[in-house]
Amino acid sequence: MLASVARDVAAAGYTVLRRYRADALMEAVCSDFGVLASVREDRLVQHLTPKSKDVAGPTSYSGMYGLGEFPFHTDLAHLRLPPRYLALRCVVGFAETPTLLLDGAALVHAVGRSLLRRAVVKPRRPQNGRFVLMQLLQQTQAGDMIRWDDVFLQPASRAGELGMSKVKEAISAVPTLSIALSEPGDTLVIDNWRMLHARSPIPPGCERRLIERAYLETIR
């Protein structure tokens, strides 16, 4: 199972480990197949639970969408270099609340590499007192990285406006995947530079959903 994690993520952009070490800590599980990234200052592992708009922070996805569907996005797209990999692990899950995936390679094909490379965007809020300009499709030493977040990114050029408009259109047309993390230990590993992900709506009775999240520098 573990021998195929890096291979499967490289090929498809994601992989799923079903009921993998359900009683183990998230840090130990991630160490089995990768190296954790210290992205958030407070902790390596975050606990994600559904929240209604009235109890969530107003600048968070929960504060904006509550128990409704979250839009497709790259995690931490507003950073100059978002974390490469993302792991989501079920603690309490429901088949009715899948994680949705969309292959960014399909977006690049639909919109065009040239436009995405020219599409300059900026975070909705300044970082350290200034706005950092970034591309929707950024070249790195490890290859292309697509970034997307319709909430926390804004166009910073005419090409940025056109690029964001075209990506929105493509997202509504590109096929998506639905992966339910329903059993304890179900673990989804995502290439955050390639795949966009979203959360499905939380139906009544599924409010106890608890997912652990961690970022990884590398996987093996």
Protein backbone atom coordinates (compact mmCIF):
# COMPACT_ATOMS: atom_id res chain seq x y z
CA MET A 1 0.00 0.00 0.00
CA LEU A 2 2.62 2.55 1.06
CA ALA A 3 4.96 1.65 -1.77
CA SER A 4 2.48 3.08 -4.25
CA VAL A 5 1.71 6.43 -2.55
CA ALA A 6 4.29 8.55 -4.40
CA ARG A 7 3.71 6.67 -7.65
CA ASP A 8 -0.07 7.04 -7.53
CA VAL A 9 0.04 10.72 -6.55
CA ALA A 10 2.50 11.44 -9.37
CA ALA A 11 0.26 9.65 -11.86
CA ALA A 12 -3.22 10.75 -10.77
CA GLY A 13 -2.63 13.70 -8.45
CA TYR A 14 -3.98 11.85 -5.41
CA THR A 15 -4.29 8.50 -3.69
CA VAL A 16 -6.50 7.02 -0.96
CA LEU A 17 -5.42 4.74 1.88
CA ARG A 18 -8.47 2.96 3.26
CA ARG A 19 -8.70 2.36 7.04
CA TYR A 20 -4.96 2.86 7.36
CA ARG A 21 -3.70 2.64 10.97
CA ALA A 22 -6.97 3.97 12.35
CA ASP A 23 -5.65 4.16 15.93
CA ALA A 24 -2.39 5.96 15.08
CA LEU A 25 -1.69 9.67 15.42
CA MET A 26 -1.80 11.75 12.26
CA GLU A 27 1.87 12.73 12.63
CA ALA A 28 2.93 9.08 12.72
CA VAL A 29 0.75 8.18 9.75
CA CYS A 30 2.15 10.99 7.60
CA SER A 31 5.70 10.01 8.58
CA ASP A 32 5.05 6.58 7.10
CA PHE A 33 4.93 8.01 3.58
CA GLY A 34 6.30 11.56 3.74
CA VAL A 35 7.84 14.49 5.58
CA LEU A 36 5.52 16.88 7.39
CA ALA A 37 5.67 20.57 6.51
CA SER A 38 5.47 23.26 9.19
CA VAL A 39 3.14 25.66 7.41
CA ARG A 40 1.00 26.94 10.25
CA GLU A 41 2.81 28.30 13.28
CA ASP A 42 0.48 26.81 15.86
CA ARG A 43 0.42 23.09 14.96
CA LEU A 44 1.32 20.51 12.32
CA VAL A 45 -2.12 18.90 12.34
CA GLN A 46 -5.42 20.76 12.16
CA HIS A 47 -8.84 19.36 13.09
CA LEU A 48 -11.60 20.25 10.64
CA THR A 49 -15.21 20.18 11.81
CA PRO A 50 -18.32 21.63 10.15
CA LYS A 51 -19.35 25.03 11.52
CA SER A 52 -22.36 27.20 10.86
CA LYS A 53 -21.78 30.77 9.73
CA ASP A 54 -22.79 32.23 13.08
CA VAL A 55 -20.02 30.46 15.04
CA ALA A 56 -17.21 30.53 12.46
CA GLY A 57 -14.74 33.34 11.84
CA PRO A 58 -16.08 35.73 9.20
CA THR A 59 -12.95 35.47 7.02
CA SER A 60 -12.92 31.65 6.96
CA TYR A 61 -14.64 29.36 4.48
CA SER A 62 -17.01 28.24 7.24
CA GLY A 63 -17.84 31.85 7.99
CA MET A 64 -18.72 32.42 4.34
CA TYR A 65 -20.35 29.12 3.39
CA GLY A 66 -21.36 27.58 6.72
CA LEU A 67 -22.54 24.01 6.22
CA GLY A 68 -22.88 24.51 2.48
CA GLU A 69 -20.49 23.34 -0.21
CA PHE A 70 -17.00 24.84 -0.19
CA PRO A 71 -15.68 26.00 -3.59
CA PHE A 72 -12.78 24.31 -5.36
CA HIS A 73 -9.44 25.72 -4.27
CA THR A 74 -5.74 25.19 -3.69
CA ASP A 75 -4.93 25.09 0.01
CA LEU A 76 -3.11 28.28 1.06
CA ALA A 77 -3.15 29.59 -2.50
CA HIS A 78 -2.37 33.10 -1.21
CA LEU A 79 1.16 32.05 -0.19
CA ARG A 80 4.03 32.62 -2.59
CA LEU A 81 4.67 28.88 -2.48
CA PRO A 82 1.72 26.82 -1.16
CA PRO A 83 2.52 23.47 0.49
CA ARG A 84 3.18 20.74 -2.06
CA TYR A 85 1.11 17.94 -0.56
CA LEU A 86 -2.00 17.75 1.59
CA ALA A 87 -3.26 14.81 3.67
CA LEU A 88 -6.85 14.52 4.91
CA ARG A 89 -7.65 11.74 7.38
CA CYS A 90 -10.99 10.58 8.71
CA VAL A 91 -11.63 10.47 12.44
CA VAL A 92 -15.43 10.63 12.21
CA GLY A 93 -16.78 10.35 8.70
CA PHE A 94 -19.93 9.97 6.65
CA ALA A 95 -20.42 8.68 3.13
CA GLU A 96 -22.75 11.62 2.53
CA THR A 97 -19.95 14.20 2.90
CA PRO A 98 -17.31 13.40 0.28
CA THR A 99 -14.27 15.45 -0.61
CA LEU A 100 -14.41 16.62 -4.22
CA LEU A 101 -11.35 16.69 -6.48
CA LEU A 102 -10.67 18.40 -9.80
CA ASP A 103 -7.55 17.82 -11.86
CA GLY A 104 -5.74 21.08 -12.50
CA ALA A 105 -4.15 19.53 -15.59
CA ALA A 106 -7.62 19.58 -17.15
CA LEU A 107 -7.93 23.29 -16.30
CA VAL A 108 -4.58 24.02 -17.93
CA HIS A 109 -5.75 22.17 -21.04
CA ALA A 110 -9.10 23.99 -21.09
CA VAL A 111 -7.81 27.52 -20.38
CA GLY A 112 -4.36 27.39 -21.96
CA ARG A 113 -0.91 27.43 -20.42
CA SER A 114 0.04 30.79 -21.91
CA LEU A 115 -2.90 32.68 -20.40
CA LEU A 116 -2.50 31.03 -17.00
CA ARG A 117 1.20 31.93 -16.94
CA ARG A 118 0.35 35.56 -17.80
CA ALA A 119 -2.54 35.72 -15.31
CA VAL A 120 -1.17 37.76 -12.39
CA VAL A 121 -3.14 37.65 -9.14
CA LYS A 122 -2.71 38.88 -5.59
CA PRO A 123 -4.02 37.89 -2.15
CA ARG A 124 -7.22 39.55 -1.01
CA ARG A 125 -5.32 40.97 1.96
CA PRO A 126 -1.72 42.27 2.09
CA GLN A 127 0.99 40.16 3.70
CA ASN A 128 3.43 42.03 5.92
CA GLY A 129 1.98 45.30 4.68
CA ARG A 130 2.28 44.62 0.96
CA PHE A 131 0.66 42.64 -1.81
CA VAL A 132 2.63 39.80 -3.37
CA LEU A 133 1.99 39.29 -7.08
CA MET A 134 1.72 35.68 -8.25
CA GLN A 135 0.78 33.67 -11.34
CA LEU A 136 -2.14 31.28 -11.62
CA LEU A 137 0.30 28.86 -13.24
CA GLN A 138 3.75 29.15 -11.72
CA GLN A 139 6.89 27.37 -12.88
CA THR A 140 8.99 25.78 -10.13
CA GLN A 141 12.06 23.57 -10.06
CA ALA A 142 9.71 20.63 -9.52
CA GLY A 143 7.46 21.58 -12.44
CA ASP A 144 4.29 23.60 -12.91
CA MET A 145 2.14 24.63 -9.96
CA ILE A 146 -1.44 25.76 -10.46
CA ARG A 147 -2.97 27.94 -7.76
CA TRP A 148 -6.64 28.74 -7.39
CA ASP A 149 -8.89 30.35 -4.81
CA ASP A 150 -11.79 32.46 -5.97
CA VAL A 151 -12.27 33.78 -2.43
CA PHE A 152 -8.78 34.70 -1.26
CA LEU A 153 -7.17 35.65 -4.60
CA GLN A 154 -7.95 38.66 -6.78
CA PRO A 155 -6.80 39.54 -10.31
CA ALA A 156 -3.90 42.00 -10.46
CA SER A 157 -3.79 42.51 -14.23
CA ARG A 158 -6.04 42.32 -17.26
CA ALA A 159 -4.65 38.88 -17.99
CA GLY A 160 -5.42 38.02 -14.38
CA GLU A 161 -9.04 39.06 -14.83
CA LEU A 162 -9.36 37.02 -18.02
CA GLY A 163 -7.53 34.05 -16.53
CA MET A 164 -9.71 33.94 -13.43
CA SER A 165 -12.84 34.27 -15.55
CA LYS A 166 -11.76 31.40 -17.81
CA VAL A 167 -10.85 29.17 -14.87
CA LYS A 168 -14.31 29.74 -13.34
CA GLU A 169 -15.89 28.68 -16.61
CA ALA A 170 -13.66 25.62 -16.88
CA ILE A 171 -14.34 24.49 -13.31
CA SER A 172 -18.04 24.24 -14.11
CA ALA A 173 -17.29 22.07 -17.16
CA VAL A 174 -14.37 19.85 -16.09
CA PRO A 175 -15.25 16.42 -14.61
CA THR A 176 -14.76 16.04 -10.87
CA LEU A 177 -14.11 13.13 -8.51
CA SER A 178 -15.98 12.38 -5.30
CA ILE A 179 -14.09 10.60 -2.52
CA ALA A 180 -15.79 9.82 0.78
CA LEU A 181 -13.57 9.58 3.84
CA SER A 182 -16.17 7.63 5.77
CA GLU A 183 -14.23 5.15 7.92
CA PRO A 184 -11.66 5.93 10.65
CA GLY A 185 -8.20 5.82 9.09
CA ASP A 186 -9.35 6.64 5.55
CA THR A 187 -6.57 8.95 4.33
CA LEU A 188 -6.54 11.05 1.18
CA VAL A 189 -3.17 12.34 -0.07
CA ILE A 190 -3.37 15.17 -2.61
CA ASP A 191 -0.83 16.95 -4.81
CA ASN A 192 -1.78 20.50 -3.80
CA TRP A 193 0.13 21.94 -6.78
CA ARG A 194 -1.99 19.98 -9.25
CA MET A 195 -5.38 19.13 -7.77
CA LEU A 196 -8.11 21.47 -6.60
CA HIS A 197 -10.36 20.20 -3.84
CA ALA A 198 -13.67 21.16 -2.28
CA ARG A 199 -15.98 20.03 0.50
CA SER A 200 -19.46 18.78 -0.24
CA PRO A 201 -22.41 20.23 1.73
CA ILE A 202 -22.96 18.90 5.25
CA PRO A 203 -26.42 17.32 5.40
CA PRO A 204 -28.41 17.02 8.64
CA GLY A 205 -26.98 14.28 10.86
CA CYS A 206 -23.41 14.67 9.60
CA GLU A 207 -22.37 17.63 11.76
CA ARG A 208 -20.04 15.40 13.83
CA ARG A 209 -17.71 14.96 10.85
CA LEU A 210 -14.08 15.29 11.96
CA ILE A 211 -11.19 15.33 9.50
CA GLU A 212 -7.52 15.79 10.36
CA ARG A 213 -5.39 17.80 7.96
CA ALA A 214 -1.63 18.02 7.57
CA TYR A 215 0.75 19.36 4.92
CA LEU A 216 3.78 17.50 3.60
CA GLU A 217 6.99 18.72 1.97
CA THR A 218 7.68 15.42 0.22
CA ILE A 219 6.15 11.97 -0.15
CA ARG A 220 7.84 8.68 -0.88
